[in-house]
Every structure is written in C-alpha cells, then in structure tokens.
Amino acid sequence: MKHISRREFSRLAVVGAAAAPLAGALFQASKASADEPAAPTMKPALTEEQQKKLGEEVARRERDRGELRGHTLPYGGEPAFVFHVRVAPRRSRGRS
C-alpha cells in the first residue's frame, strides 16, 4: 500500500466528496432509464380502531403544538440551567 501525505489525503478527500453527489445523480439517472418498472410503494393497512387512534393522536399533537406556540417567553428570563466548564490545572513544562 502506498503511503500518502496528509496534504495528498485531504486533496483526495475533497475530490471524492465533490464527486459523490455527481455519482449518485448519474446512478439515479441510469436506474430510472432502465426498462424495469419502478416498485410500487407499500402503504400500511390500518384497521378502523388504529385509524381512530391515529386521528386522535394527530389532533392532540396539533392542540399541544398550538398551546406551545401561543406561549411567549420573556426575553429577560433566566436560562433553565447553568453549567461551568471545568478547566484542567496547568502543567509545568518539564522544569523541576
């Protein structure tokens, strides 16, 4: 295996990252142009009870969302929590 430098590796990584979306687009175009028909999407079949529960949950979510959006927070309010970053003690530079 060839040993490459960090600079060469970063150049190859940038080229690869730039080429990935192009390759994906080409792959999608070739896949769409194939003669095979696209697979139909499957929708889960829900029972009447499941549909009713789903409708209730969606309505509850919309109601909760409306209540939360209707509540305004004061700009001068304190944050919910305060944290402090621990600072590591300074080390000596090897001098004794």
C-alpha atoms as a PDB file:
ATOM      1  CA  MET A   1       0.000   0.000   0.000  1.00  0.00           C
ATOM      2  CA  LYS A   2       1.286   3.406  -0.964  1.00  0.00           C
ATOM      3  CA  HIS A   3       1.991   5.862   1.840  1.00  0.00           C
ATOM      4  CA  ILE A   4       0.413   9.254   1.177  1.00  0.00           C
ATOM      5  CA  SER A   5       0.909  12.536   2.958  1.00  0.00           C
ATOM      6  CA  ARG A   6      -1.771  14.404   4.883  1.00  0.00           C
ATOM      7  CA  ARG A   7      -1.915  17.052   2.159  1.00  0.00           C
ATOM      8  CA  GLU A   8      -2.465  14.465  -0.562  1.00  0.00           C
ATOM      9  CA  PHE A   9      -5.069  12.682   1.544  1.00  0.00           C
ATOM     10  CA  SER A  10      -7.015  15.891   2.107  1.00  0.00           C
ATOM     11  CA  ARG A  11      -6.916  16.652  -1.626  1.00  0.00           C
ATOM     12  CA  LEU A  12      -8.259  13.179  -2.433  1.00  0.00           C
ATOM     13  CA  ALA A  13     -10.951  13.519   0.233  1.00  0.00           C
ATOM     14  CA  VAL A  14     -12.138  16.846  -1.207  1.00  0.00           C
ATOM     15  CA  VAL A  15     -12.248  15.422  -4.731  1.00  0.00           C
ATOM     16  CA  GLY A  16     -14.146  12.363  -3.504  1.00  0.00           C
ATOM     17  CA  ALA A  17     -16.628  14.461  -1.539  1.00  0.00           C
ATOM     18  CA  ALA A  18     -17.249  16.661  -4.563  1.00  0.00           C
ATOM     19  CA  ALA A  19     -17.692  13.694  -6.894  1.00  0.00           C
ATOM     20  CA  ALA A  20     -20.094  11.750  -4.627  1.00  0.00           C
ATOM     21  CA  PRO A  21     -23.251  13.786  -5.451  1.00  0.00           C
ATOM     22  CA  LEU A  22     -22.455  13.594  -9.157  1.00  0.00           C
ATOM     23  CA  ALA A  23     -22.022   9.843  -8.999  1.00  0.00           C
ATOM     24  CA  GLY A  24     -25.296   9.497  -7.096  1.00  0.00           C
ATOM     25  CA  ALA A  25     -27.129  11.571  -9.694  1.00  0.00           C
ATOM     26  CA  LEU A  26     -25.668   9.504 -12.528  1.00  0.00           C
ATOM     27  CA  PHE A  27     -26.643   6.302 -10.751  1.00  0.00           C
ATOM     28  CA  GLN A  28     -30.218   7.530 -10.251  1.00  0.00           C
ATOM     29  CA  ALA A  29     -30.452   8.577 -13.915  1.00  0.00           C
ATOM     30  CA  SER A  30     -29.224   5.196 -15.137  1.00  0.00           C
ATOM     31  CA  LYS A  31     -31.538   3.384 -12.729  1.00  0.00           C
ATOM     32  CA  ALA A  32     -34.556   5.433 -13.865  1.00  0.00           C
ATOM     33  CA  SER A  33     -33.791   4.870 -17.528  1.00  0.00           C
ATOM     34  CA  ALA A  34     -33.784   1.091 -17.105  1.00  0.00           C
ATOM     35  CA  ASP A  35     -36.654  -0.839 -18.693  1.00  0.00           C
ATOM     36  CA  GLU A  36     -37.740  -2.311 -15.360  1.00  0.00           C
ATOM     37  CA  PRO A  37     -40.857  -0.718 -13.857  1.00  0.00           C
ATOM     38  CA  ALA A  38     -40.498   1.019 -10.510  1.00  0.00           C
ATOM     39  CA  ALA A  39     -41.601  -0.951  -7.460  1.00  0.00           C
ATOM     40  CA  PRO A  40     -44.914   0.277  -6.036  1.00  0.00           C
ATOM     41  CA  THR A  41     -44.774   1.899  -2.634  1.00  0.00           C
ATOM     42  CA  MET A  42     -46.415  -0.077   0.128  1.00  0.00           C
ATOM     43  CA  LYS A  43     -48.864   1.738   2.399  1.00  0.00           C
ATOM     44  CA  PRO A  44     -49.598   0.067   5.715  1.00  0.00           C
ATOM     45  CA  ALA A  45     -53.207  -1.022   6.060  1.00  0.00           C
ATOM     46  CA  LEU A  46     -54.743   0.251   9.294  1.00  0.00           C
ATOM     47  CA  THR A  47     -57.794  -1.110  10.987  1.00  0.00           C
ATOM     48  CA  GLU A  48     -60.699   1.188  11.888  1.00  0.00           C
ATOM     49  CA  GLU A  49     -59.577   1.282  15.526  1.00  0.00           C
ATOM     50  CA  GLN A  50     -55.986   2.128  14.551  1.00  0.00           C
ATOM     51  CA  GLN A  51     -57.187   4.895  12.223  1.00  0.00           C
ATOM     52  CA  LYS A  52     -59.320   6.346  15.017  1.00  0.00           C
ATOM     53  CA  LYS A  53     -56.389   6.294  17.475  1.00  0.00           C
ATOM     54  CA  LEU A  54     -54.109   7.840  14.872  1.00  0.00           C
ATOM     55  CA  GLY A  55     -56.602  10.635  14.235  1.00  0.00           C
ATOM     56  CA  GLU A  56     -56.881  11.314  17.972  1.00  0.00           C
ATOM     57  CA  GLU A  57     -53.086  11.435  18.368  1.00  0.00           C
ATOM     58  CA  VAL A  58     -52.698  13.811  15.428  1.00  0.00           C
ATOM     59  CA  ALA A  59     -55.414  16.080  16.860  1.00  0.00           C
ATOM     60  CA  ARG A  60     -53.746  16.000  20.301  1.00  0.00           C
ATOM     61  CA  ARG A  61     -50.374  16.825  18.760  1.00  0.00           C
ATOM     62  CA  GLU A  62     -51.838  19.776  16.864  1.00  0.00           C
ATOM     63  CA  ARG A  63     -53.587  21.018  20.031  1.00  0.00           C
ATOM     64  CA  ASP A  64     -50.355  20.758  22.052  1.00  0.00           C
ATOM     65  CA  ARG A  65     -48.387  22.490  19.304  1.00  0.00           C
ATOM     66  CA  GLY A  66     -50.909  25.354  19.270  1.00  0.00           C
ATOM     67  CA  GLU A  67     -50.683  25.745  23.047  1.00  0.00           C
ATOM     68  CA  LEU A  68     -46.866  25.792  22.986  1.00  0.00           C
ATOM     69  CA  ARG A  69     -46.696  28.294  20.135  1.00  0.00           C
ATOM     70  CA  GLY A  70     -49.200  30.530  21.899  1.00  0.00           C
ATOM     71  CA  HIS A  71     -46.965  30.804  24.972  1.00  0.00           C
ATOM     72  CA  THR A  72     -44.342  33.539  24.758  1.00  0.00           C
ATOM     73  CA  LEU A  73     -41.180  33.537  26.814  1.00  0.00           C
ATOM     74  CA  PRO A  74     -39.861  36.761  28.345  1.00  0.00           C
ATOM     75  CA  TYR A  75     -36.566  37.977  26.917  1.00  0.00           C
ATOM     76  CA  GLY A  76     -35.129  38.744  30.351  1.00  0.00           C
ATOM     77  CA  GLY A  77     -35.754  35.250  31.685  1.00  0.00           C
ATOM     78  CA  GLU A  78     -33.022  33.171  33.258  1.00  0.00           C
ATOM     79  CA  PRO A  79     -31.863  30.013  31.479  1.00  0.00           C
ATOM     80  CA  ALA A  80     -33.167  26.679  32.692  1.00  0.00           C
ATOM     81  CA  PHE A  81     -29.710  25.531  33.760  1.00  0.00           C
ATOM     82  CA  VAL A  82     -26.233  26.926  34.162  1.00  0.00           C
ATOM     83  CA  PHE A  83     -23.085  24.935  33.645  1.00  0.00           C
ATOM     84  CA  HIS A  84     -19.431  25.663  34.145  1.00  0.00           C
ATOM     85  CA  VAL A  85     -16.655  24.148  32.103  1.00  0.00           C
ATOM     86  CA  ARG A  86     -14.023  22.510  34.221  1.00  0.00           C
ATOM     87  CA  VAL A  87     -10.606  23.918  33.490  1.00  0.00           C
ATOM     88  CA  ALA A  88      -7.742  21.484  33.705  1.00  0.00           C
ATOM     89  CA  PRO A  89      -4.917  22.558  36.021  1.00  0.00           C
ATOM     90  CA  ARG A  90      -1.909  23.964  34.190  1.00  0.00           C
ATOM     91  CA  ARG A  91       1.012  21.617  33.837  1.00  0.00           C
ATOM     92  CA  SER A  92       4.600  22.592  34.235  1.00  0.00           C
ATOM     93  CA  ARG A  93       6.777  22.466  31.123  1.00  0.00           C
ATOM     94  CA  GLY A  94       9.086  19.812  32.475  1.00  0.00           C
ATOM     95  CA  ARG A  95      11.103  22.138  34.638  1.00  0.00           C
ATOM     96  CA  SER A  96      11.684  20.920  38.157  1.00  0.00           C
END
